[in-house]
Amino acid sequence: MLLSLRHKNRCGCLSHLLCIFPEDLRISSPFLFDPKNLAWCPLPPMPCNPHEYGLCNFTSISLKLHIYVLGGSLFDTRSFPLDRPSPSSSFFYYNFVSSSWERLAPMLSPCGSFACAASPGADQIIVTGGGSRHTMFRAARSRICLVERYDVERDEWEALDGLPRF
């Protein structure tokens, strides 16, 4: 998964960085790539729960100078059957000042494969829809009509009117 991040460099000009998530974020580190300088920088792995693995179908988004990683599907060694992934409500952001991932308030509804948008002027993140097209997932061929809004200042999620059903 690729994520574009813009930041101001030393001369005050906007520069682009790409954040690349090669595999399960709890096992391998994401990388920042600076296309102007052709430079790579590894980020630390996200906090890990020893019972969870195989995170996929998550969404990443940038807002201001932060990288956010939301939801997804993962396997949990405490659930049965073991070969069925569970939706995740986890929510993290990368803090460039402390060079660490920090856990934020979890989403109201765990889900994966959803749409996500940032509203920079309002410091909010909107999450909508979700579900899975894969038969191995619990939400197989289902659609979730949720809409949630995250307020960065308050570290709080709010449910909004759901998507129309067709």
N, C-alpha and C. Protein backbone atom coordinates (compact mmCIF):
# COMPACT_ATOMS: atom_id res chain seq x y z
N MET A 1 0.84 -1.16 0.00
CA MET A 1 0.00 0.00 0.00
C MET A 1 0.89 1.23 0.00
N LEU A 2 0.56 2.20 -0.81
CA LEU A 2 1.31 3.45 -0.89
C LEU A 2 0.49 4.60 -0.30
N LEU A 3 1.17 5.54 0.31
CA LEU A 3 0.53 6.71 0.88
C LEU A 3 1.42 7.90 0.58
N SER A 4 0.86 8.95 0.02
CA SER A 4 1.62 10.15 -0.29
C SER A 4 1.49 11.13 0.87
N LEU A 5 2.59 11.71 1.27
CA LEU A 5 2.63 12.64 2.39
C LEU A 5 3.40 13.87 1.94
N ARG A 6 2.83 15.04 2.13
CA ARG A 6 3.51 16.29 1.77
C ARG A 6 4.03 16.95 3.04
N HIS A 7 5.23 17.50 2.94
CA HIS A 7 5.78 18.23 4.07
C HIS A 7 6.61 19.40 3.54
N LYS A 8 6.85 20.38 4.40
CA LYS A 8 7.70 21.51 4.03
C LYS A 8 9.14 21.18 4.39
N ASN A 9 10.01 21.34 3.43
CA ASN A 9 11.42 21.08 3.71
C ASN A 9 12.09 22.34 4.26
N ARG A 10 13.41 22.30 4.40
CA ARG A 10 14.14 23.41 5.04
C ARG A 10 13.92 24.76 4.37
N CYS A 11 13.78 24.77 3.05
CA CYS A 11 13.61 26.06 2.36
C CYS A 11 12.15 26.51 2.34
N GLY A 12 11.25 25.74 2.99
CA GLY A 12 9.85 26.12 3.05
C GLY A 12 9.03 25.64 1.87
N CYS A 13 9.64 24.91 0.95
CA CYS A 13 8.92 24.39 -0.22
C CYS A 13 8.23 23.07 0.14
N LEU A 14 7.11 22.82 -0.51
CA LEU A 14 6.42 21.56 -0.28
C LEU A 14 7.17 20.44 -0.98
N SER A 15 7.32 19.34 -0.29
CA SER A 15 7.99 18.17 -0.83
C SER A 15 7.08 16.97 -0.61
N HIS A 16 7.19 15.97 -1.45
CA HIS A 16 6.37 14.77 -1.32
C HIS A 16 7.19 13.61 -0.78
N LEU A 17 6.58 12.84 0.09
CA LEU A 17 7.15 11.59 0.57
C LEU A 17 6.13 10.50 0.30
N LEU A 18 6.60 9.30 0.05
CA LEU A 18 5.72 8.15 -0.08
C LEU A 18 5.93 7.27 1.13
N CYS A 19 4.86 6.78 1.71
CA CYS A 19 4.95 5.81 2.79
C CYS A 19 4.50 4.48 2.20
N ILE A 20 5.37 3.48 2.30
CA ILE A 20 5.10 2.18 1.69
C ILE A 20 4.93 1.15 2.80
N PHE A 21 3.81 0.44 2.74
CA PHE A 21 3.51 -0.62 3.70
C PHE A 21 3.65 -1.96 2.98
N PRO A 22 4.83 -2.61 3.08
CA PRO A 22 5.06 -3.81 2.28
C PRO A 22 4.31 -5.05 2.74
N GLU A 23 4.09 -5.23 4.03
CA GLU A 23 3.46 -6.44 4.56
C GLU A 23 2.66 -6.09 5.80
N ASP A 24 2.37 -7.11 6.58
CA ASP A 24 1.69 -6.95 7.85
C ASP A 24 2.46 -5.93 8.71
N LEU A 25 1.80 -4.85 9.08
CA LEU A 25 2.47 -3.76 9.81
C LEU A 25 2.97 -4.17 11.18
N ARG A 26 2.43 -5.23 11.71
CA ARG A 26 2.86 -5.66 13.05
C ARG A 26 4.11 -6.52 13.00
N ILE A 27 4.50 -6.90 11.79
CA ILE A 27 5.68 -7.75 11.62
C ILE A 27 6.82 -7.00 10.95
N SER A 28 6.52 -6.28 9.88
CA SER A 28 7.57 -5.58 9.14
C SER A 28 7.33 -4.08 9.15
N SER A 29 8.40 -3.36 9.05
CA SER A 29 8.34 -1.90 9.12
C SER A 29 7.88 -1.29 7.81
N PRO A 30 7.08 -0.22 7.89
CA PRO A 30 6.83 0.58 6.69
C PRO A 30 8.07 1.41 6.38
N PHE A 31 8.12 1.97 5.18
CA PHE A 31 9.24 2.79 4.75
C PHE A 31 8.75 4.11 4.20
N LEU A 32 9.52 5.17 4.45
CA LEU A 32 9.30 6.46 3.79
C LEU A 32 10.28 6.54 2.63
N PHE A 33 9.79 7.05 1.50
CA PHE A 33 10.64 7.23 0.33
C PHE A 33 10.55 8.68 -0.11
N ASP A 34 11.69 9.32 -0.27
CA ASP A 34 11.78 10.69 -0.75
C ASP A 34 12.18 10.63 -2.23
N PRO A 35 11.22 10.84 -3.16
CA PRO A 35 11.54 10.71 -4.58
C PRO A 35 12.50 11.77 -5.11
N LYS A 36 12.55 12.91 -4.45
CA LYS A 36 13.45 13.97 -4.90
C LYS A 36 14.91 13.59 -4.64
N ASN A 37 15.17 13.02 -3.47
CA ASN A 37 16.54 12.64 -3.09
C ASN A 37 16.81 11.15 -3.28
N LEU A 38 15.81 10.41 -3.74
CA LEU A 38 15.92 8.96 -3.93
C LEU A 38 16.44 8.29 -2.66
N ALA A 39 15.83 8.64 -1.52
CA ALA A 39 16.27 8.12 -0.23
C ALA A 39 15.15 7.36 0.47
N TRP A 40 15.54 6.28 1.12
CA TRP A 40 14.61 5.45 1.90
C TRP A 40 14.87 5.65 3.39
N CYS A 41 13.81 5.57 4.18
CA CYS A 41 13.94 5.66 5.64
C CYS A 41 12.94 4.69 6.26
N PRO A 42 13.41 3.67 6.99
CA PRO A 42 12.47 2.75 7.63
C PRO A 42 11.80 3.42 8.84
N LEU A 43 10.54 3.10 9.05
CA LEU A 43 9.82 3.53 10.25
C LEU A 43 9.77 2.33 11.20
N PRO A 44 9.60 2.56 12.49
CA PRO A 44 9.51 1.41 13.40
C PRO A 44 8.21 0.63 13.17
N PRO A 45 8.19 -0.66 13.52
CA PRO A 45 6.95 -1.43 13.40
C PRO A 45 5.88 -0.87 14.34
N MET A 46 4.63 -1.13 14.00
CA MET A 46 3.53 -0.69 14.86
C MET A 46 3.51 -1.54 16.13
N PRO A 47 2.88 -1.04 17.22
CA PRO A 47 2.76 -1.85 18.44
C PRO A 47 2.09 -3.19 18.11
N CYS A 48 2.54 -4.21 18.77
CA CYS A 48 2.11 -5.56 18.43
C CYS A 48 1.37 -6.23 19.57
N ASN A 49 0.28 -6.89 19.26
CA ASN A 49 -0.42 -7.77 20.19
C ASN A 49 0.04 -9.18 19.82
N PRO A 50 0.59 -9.94 20.76
CA PRO A 50 1.13 -11.26 20.40
C PRO A 50 0.08 -12.25 19.89
N HIS A 51 -1.19 -11.96 20.06
CA HIS A 51 -2.25 -12.87 19.60
C HIS A 51 -2.77 -12.53 18.20
N GLU A 52 -2.38 -11.37 17.67
CA GLU A 52 -2.92 -10.94 16.38
C GLU A 52 -1.82 -10.92 15.32
N TYR A 53 -2.20 -11.29 14.09
CA TYR A 53 -1.25 -11.30 12.99
C TYR A 53 -2.00 -11.21 11.67
N GLY A 54 -1.26 -10.96 10.60
CA GLY A 54 -1.84 -10.95 9.26
C GLY A 54 -2.73 -9.76 8.96
N LEU A 55 -2.41 -8.58 9.49
CA LEU A 55 -3.23 -7.40 9.24
C LEU A 55 -3.27 -7.09 7.75
N CYS A 56 -4.48 -6.96 7.20
CA CYS A 56 -4.67 -6.62 5.80
C CYS A 56 -5.98 -5.82 5.68
N ASN A 57 -6.27 -5.32 4.51
CA ASN A 57 -7.49 -4.54 4.26
C ASN A 57 -7.60 -3.30 5.13
N PHE A 58 -6.47 -2.83 5.68
CA PHE A 58 -6.48 -1.60 6.47
C PHE A 58 -6.40 -0.41 5.51
N THR A 59 -6.60 0.77 6.05
CA THR A 59 -6.48 1.99 5.26
C THR A 59 -5.46 2.89 5.94
N SER A 60 -4.66 3.56 5.14
CA SER A 60 -3.73 4.55 5.68
C SER A 60 -4.03 5.89 5.02
N ILE A 61 -3.82 6.94 5.78
CA ILE A 61 -4.13 8.28 5.28
C ILE A 61 -3.19 9.27 5.96
N SER A 62 -2.88 10.35 5.27
CA SER A 62 -2.06 11.39 5.90
C SER A 62 -2.94 12.61 6.16
N LEU A 63 -2.69 13.23 7.28
CA LEU A 63 -3.38 14.47 7.64
C LEU A 63 -2.33 15.35 8.31
N LYS A 64 -2.09 16.50 7.70
CA LYS A 64 -1.00 17.37 8.13
C LYS A 64 0.29 16.57 8.09
N LEU A 65 1.03 16.53 9.18
CA LEU A 65 2.30 15.81 9.16
C LEU A 65 2.23 14.46 9.87
N HIS A 66 1.06 13.84 9.88
CA HIS A 66 0.91 12.55 10.54
C HIS A 66 0.45 11.49 9.55
N ILE A 67 0.82 10.27 9.83
CA ILE A 67 0.34 9.12 9.09
C ILE A 67 -0.60 8.35 10.01
N TYR A 68 -1.79 8.07 9.53
CA TYR A 68 -2.78 7.32 10.30
C TYR A 68 -3.01 5.96 9.65
N VAL A 69 -3.17 4.92 10.46
CA VAL A 69 -3.51 3.58 9.97
C VAL A 69 -4.76 3.13 10.71
N LEU A 70 -5.79 2.75 9.94
CA LEU A 70 -7.10 2.46 10.50
C LEU A 70 -7.59 1.06 10.13
N GLY A 71 -8.26 0.41 11.08
CA GLY A 71 -9.03 -0.80 10.83
C GLY A 71 -8.29 -1.90 10.13
N GLY A 72 -9.04 -2.66 9.35
CA GLY A 72 -8.50 -3.77 8.60
C GLY A 72 -9.06 -5.10 9.09
N SER A 73 -8.45 -6.15 8.64
CA SER A 73 -8.81 -7.51 9.04
C SER A 73 -7.54 -8.19 9.51
N LEU A 74 -7.67 -9.03 10.54
CA LEU A 74 -6.51 -9.73 11.06
C LEU A 74 -6.92 -11.06 11.65
N PHE A 75 -5.96 -11.90 11.85
CA PHE A 75 -6.18 -13.19 12.49
C PHE A 75 -5.87 -13.05 13.97
N ASP A 76 -6.63 -13.75 14.80
CA ASP A 76 -6.44 -13.69 16.24
C ASP A 76 -6.36 -15.13 16.74
N THR A 77 -5.27 -15.46 17.41
CA THR A 77 -5.08 -16.83 17.88
C THR A 77 -6.08 -17.22 18.96
N ARG A 78 -6.81 -16.24 19.50
CA ARG A 78 -7.80 -16.53 20.55
C ARG A 78 -9.18 -16.77 19.99
N SER A 79 -9.36 -16.61 18.67
CA SER A 79 -10.70 -16.80 18.09
C SER A 79 -10.78 -18.16 17.39
N PHE A 80 -11.99 -18.63 17.23
CA PHE A 80 -12.21 -19.91 16.57
C PHE A 80 -13.25 -19.73 15.49
N PRO A 81 -13.12 -20.28 14.31
CA PRO A 81 -11.97 -21.06 13.87
C PRO A 81 -10.78 -20.16 13.58
N LEU A 82 -9.59 -20.73 13.70
CA LEU A 82 -8.35 -19.97 13.56
C LEU A 82 -8.11 -19.46 12.15
N ASP A 83 -8.75 -20.07 11.15
CA ASP A 83 -8.50 -19.66 9.77
C ASP A 83 -9.44 -18.55 9.30
N ARG A 84 -10.20 -17.95 10.20
CA ARG A 84 -11.12 -16.87 9.85
C ARG A 84 -10.64 -15.54 10.43
N PRO A 85 -10.34 -14.57 9.57
CA PRO A 85 -9.91 -13.27 10.09
C PRO A 85 -11.06 -12.50 10.74
N SER A 86 -10.71 -11.61 11.62
CA SER A 86 -11.69 -10.76 12.31
C SER A 86 -11.47 -9.31 11.91
N PRO A 87 -12.54 -8.52 11.85
CA PRO A 87 -12.36 -7.09 11.56
C PRO A 87 -11.69 -6.40 12.75
N SER A 88 -10.97 -5.35 12.46
CA SER A 88 -10.25 -4.61 13.50
C SER A 88 -10.78 -3.18 13.59
N SER A 89 -10.81 -2.65 14.80
CA SER A 89 -11.18 -1.25 15.00
C SER A 89 -9.96 -0.43 15.42
N SER A 90 -8.79 -1.03 15.32
CA SER A 90 -7.57 -0.35 15.79
C SER A 90 -7.29 0.91 14.98
N PHE A 91 -6.64 1.86 15.63
CA PHE A 91 -6.38 3.16 15.02
C PHE A 91 -5.07 3.69 15.60
N PHE A 92 -4.09 3.91 14.74
CA PHE A 92 -2.77 4.38 15.15
C PHE A 92 -2.36 5.59 14.33
N TYR A 93 -1.43 6.37 14.87
CA TYR A 93 -0.80 7.39 14.05
C TYR A 93 0.69 7.39 14.35
N TYR A 94 1.45 7.81 13.34
CA TYR A 94 2.89 7.89 13.50
C TYR A 94 3.27 9.30 13.89
N ASN A 95 3.97 9.43 15.01
CA ASN A 95 4.42 10.71 15.53
C ASN A 95 5.87 10.91 15.09
N PHE A 96 6.10 11.85 14.17
CA PHE A 96 7.44 12.09 13.65
C PHE A 96 8.36 12.72 14.69
N VAL A 97 7.80 13.40 15.69
CA VAL A 97 8.62 14.03 16.72
C VAL A 97 9.26 12.97 17.62
N SER A 98 8.44 12.00 18.08
CA SER A 98 8.97 10.95 18.97
C SER A 98 9.41 9.71 18.20
N SER A 99 9.23 9.70 16.89
CA SER A 99 9.57 8.54 16.04
C SER A 99 8.91 7.26 16.55
N SER A 100 7.63 7.37 16.84
CA SER A 100 6.93 6.19 17.36
C SER A 100 5.47 6.19 16.91
N TRP A 101 4.89 4.99 16.92
CA TRP A 101 3.46 4.84 16.66
C TRP A 101 2.71 5.01 17.96
N GLU A 102 1.57 5.68 17.91
CA GLU A 102 0.76 5.87 19.10
C GLU A 102 -0.66 5.38 18.82
N ARG A 103 -1.23 4.69 19.80
CA ARG A 103 -2.59 4.17 19.67
C ARG A 103 -3.57 5.29 19.96
N LEU A 104 -4.62 5.38 19.15
CA LEU A 104 -5.68 6.38 19.32
C LEU A 104 -6.98 5.66 19.67
N ALA A 105 -8.02 6.44 19.93
CA ALA A 105 -9.33 5.85 20.23
C ALA A 105 -9.75 4.92 19.09
N PRO A 106 -10.20 3.70 19.40
CA PRO A 106 -10.59 2.76 18.34
C PRO A 106 -11.84 3.23 17.60
N MET A 107 -11.95 2.81 16.35
CA MET A 107 -13.14 3.12 15.56
C MET A 107 -14.37 2.53 16.27
N LEU A 108 -15.53 3.10 16.03
CA LEU A 108 -16.76 2.62 16.67
C LEU A 108 -17.14 1.23 16.17
N SER A 109 -16.94 0.98 14.88
CA SER A 109 -17.28 -0.31 14.28
C SER A 109 -16.04 -0.91 13.63
N PRO A 110 -15.63 -2.10 14.06
CA PRO A 110 -14.49 -2.73 13.41
C PRO A 110 -14.83 -3.08 11.96
N CYS A 111 -13.92 -2.78 11.05
CA CYS A 111 -14.17 -3.11 9.64
C CYS A 111 -12.89 -3.00 8.83
N GLY A 112 -12.93 -3.53 7.64
CA GLY A 112 -11.84 -3.44 6.69
C GLY A 112 -12.41 -3.08 5.33
N SER A 113 -11.55 -2.82 4.38
CA SER A 113 -11.95 -2.51 3.00
C SER A 113 -12.94 -1.37 2.92
N PHE A 114 -12.65 -0.27 3.59
CA PHE A 114 -13.55 0.88 3.62
C PHE A 114 -12.91 2.08 2.94
N ALA A 115 -13.71 3.09 2.68
CA ALA A 115 -13.21 4.35 2.11
C ALA A 115 -12.89 5.30 3.26
N CYS A 116 -11.91 6.16 3.03
CA CYS A 116 -11.46 7.05 4.08
C CYS A 116 -11.00 8.36 3.45
N ALA A 117 -11.30 9.49 4.08
CA ALA A 117 -10.87 10.79 3.58
C ALA A 117 -10.51 11.69 4.76
N ALA A 118 -9.55 12.57 4.52
CA ALA A 118 -9.14 13.52 5.54
C ALA A 118 -9.70 14.89 5.20
N SER A 119 -10.08 15.63 6.23
CA SER A 119 -10.54 17.00 6.09
C SER A 119 -9.54 17.89 6.83
N PRO A 120 -8.48 18.35 6.12
CA PRO A 120 -7.41 19.09 6.79
C PRO A 120 -7.87 20.34 7.52
N GLY A 121 -8.80 21.09 6.94
CA GLY A 121 -9.26 22.32 7.58
C GLY A 121 -9.99 22.07 8.88
N ALA A 122 -10.65 20.93 8.99
CA ALA A 122 -11.42 20.62 10.19
C ALA A 122 -10.70 19.64 11.11
N ASP A 123 -9.50 19.18 10.73
CA ASP A 123 -8.77 18.16 11.50
C ASP A 123 -9.65 16.96 11.80
N GLN A 124 -10.26 16.42 10.75
CA GLN A 124 -11.15 15.27 10.90
C GLN A 124 -10.84 14.21 9.85
N ILE A 125 -11.17 12.98 10.18
CA ILE A 125 -11.06 11.86 9.25
C ILE A 125 -12.43 11.21 9.16
N ILE A 126 -12.88 10.97 7.94
CA ILE A 126 -14.19 10.35 7.69
C ILE A 126 -13.96 8.93 7.18
N VAL A 127 -14.66 7.97 7.77
CA VAL A 127 -14.61 6.57 7.34
C VAL A 127 -16.01 6.18 6.91
N THR A 128 -16.11 5.50 5.77
CA THR A 128 -17.43 5.10 5.29
C THR A 128 -17.38 3.74 4.61
N GLY A 129 -18.44 2.99 4.78
CA GLY A 129 -18.56 1.69 4.13
C GLY A 129 -17.67 0.65 4.78
N GLY A 130 -17.37 -0.38 4.02
CA GLY A 130 -16.53 -1.47 4.50
C GLY A 130 -17.16 -2.80 4.18
N GLY A 131 -16.50 -3.83 4.60
CA GLY A 131 -16.96 -5.19 4.32
C GLY A 131 -15.84 -5.95 3.65
N SER A 132 -16.19 -6.98 2.91
CA SER A 132 -15.17 -7.78 2.25
C SER A 132 -15.76 -8.48 1.05
N ARG A 133 -14.94 -8.62 0.02
CA ARG A 133 -15.35 -9.38 -1.14
C ARG A 133 -14.75 -10.78 -1.11
N HIS A 134 -13.96 -11.06 -0.08
CA HIS A 134 -13.30 -12.36 0.04
C HIS A 134 -14.16 -13.32 0.85
N THR A 135 -14.35 -14.52 0.35
CA THR A 135 -15.21 -15.49 1.03
C THR A 135 -14.63 -15.96 2.35
N MET A 136 -13.33 -15.82 2.56
CA MET A 136 -12.75 -16.29 3.81
C MET A 136 -12.98 -15.32 4.97
N PHE A 137 -13.42 -14.11 4.69
CA PHE A 137 -13.66 -13.14 5.75
C PHE A 137 -15.09 -13.25 6.28
N ARG A 138 -15.24 -12.97 7.58
CA ARG A 138 -16.56 -13.04 8.21
C ARG A 138 -17.58 -12.17 7.50
N ALA A 139 -17.15 -11.05 6.98
CA ALA A 139 -18.06 -10.12 6.30
C ALA A 139 -18.16 -10.46 4.81
N ALA A 140 -17.96 -11.72 4.48
CA ALA A 140 -17.90 -12.14 3.07
C ALA A 140 -19.09 -11.62 2.28
N ARG A 141 -18.76 -10.94 1.20
CA ARG A 141 -19.75 -10.37 0.27
C ARG A 141 -20.78 -9.47 0.96
N SER A 142 -20.44 -8.95 2.12
CA SER A 142 -21.37 -8.05 2.80
C SER A 142 -20.86 -6.62 2.67
N ARG A 143 -21.76 -5.70 2.90
CA ARG A 143 -21.38 -4.30 2.88
C ARG A 143 -21.84 -3.66 4.18
N ILE A 144 -21.00 -2.81 4.71
CA ILE A 144 -21.34 -2.08 5.92
C ILE A 144 -21.69 -0.66 5.50
N CYS A 145 -22.78 -0.14 6.00
CA CYS A 145 -23.26 1.19 5.59
C CYS A 145 -22.89 2.27 6.59
N LEU A 146 -21.89 2.01 7.43
CA LEU A 146 -21.54 2.97 8.47
C LEU A 146 -20.83 4.20 7.90
N VAL A 147 -20.95 5.28 8.62
CA VAL A 147 -20.17 6.49 8.38
C VAL A 147 -19.74 6.99 9.76
N GLU A 148 -18.45 7.15 9.95
CA GLU A 148 -17.91 7.63 11.22
C GLU A 148 -16.99 8.81 10.96
N ARG A 149 -16.92 9.70 11.94
CA ARG A 149 -16.03 10.86 11.83
C ARG A 149 -15.12 10.89 13.06
N TYR A 150 -13.83 11.04 12.81
CA TYR A 150 -12.86 11.14 13.89
C TYR A 150 -12.40 12.58 14.04
N ASP A 151 -12.45 13.08 15.26
CA ASP A 151 -11.99 14.43 15.58
C ASP A 151 -10.58 14.32 16.17
N VAL A 152 -9.59 14.83 15.46
CA VAL A 152 -8.19 14.72 15.87
C VAL A 152 -7.95 15.43 17.20
N GLU A 153 -8.51 16.61 17.38
CA GLU A 153 -8.30 17.38 18.61
C GLU A 153 -8.82 16.65 19.85
N ARG A 154 -9.98 16.03 19.74
CA ARG A 154 -10.62 15.38 20.89
C ARG A 154 -10.30 13.89 21.00
N ASP A 155 -9.64 13.30 19.98
CA ASP A 155 -9.38 11.85 19.93
C ASP A 155 -10.69 11.10 20.18
N GLU A 156 -11.69 11.43 19.34
CA GLU A 156 -13.04 10.91 19.54
C GLU A 156 -13.70 10.58 18.21
N TRP A 157 -14.41 9.46 18.19
CA TRP A 157 -15.20 9.06 17.01
C TRP A 157 -16.66 9.40 17.23
N GLU A 158 -17.35 9.73 16.15
CA GLU A 158 -18.78 10.04 16.20
C GLU A 158 -19.45 9.33 15.03
N ALA A 159 -20.57 8.65 15.32
CA ALA A 159 -21.34 8.00 14.26
C ALA A 159 -22.16 9.05 13.52
N LEU A 160 -22.16 9.00 12.21
CA LEU A 160 -22.97 9.89 11.37
C LEU A 160 -24.06 9.07 10.68
N ASP A 161 -24.96 9.74 9.98
CA ASP A 161 -25.98 9.02 9.23
C ASP A 161 -25.31 8.06 8.27
N GLY A 162 -25.83 6.84 8.19
CA GLY A 162 -25.25 5.81 7.35
C GLY A 162 -25.45 6.05 5.87
N LEU A 163 -24.77 5.26 5.08
CA LEU A 163 -24.91 5.32 3.62
C LEU A 163 -26.30 4.84 3.21
N PRO A 164 -26.83 5.35 2.12
CA PRO A 164 -28.12 4.85 1.65
C PRO A 164 -27.97 3.39 1.18
N ARG A 165 -28.98 2.58 1.39
CA ARG A 165 -28.96 1.19 0.95
C ARG A 165 -29.58 1.10 -0.44
N PHE A 166 -28.94 0.33 -1.30
CA PHE A 166 -29.45 0.15 -2.66
C PHE A 166 -29.88 -1.27 -2.87
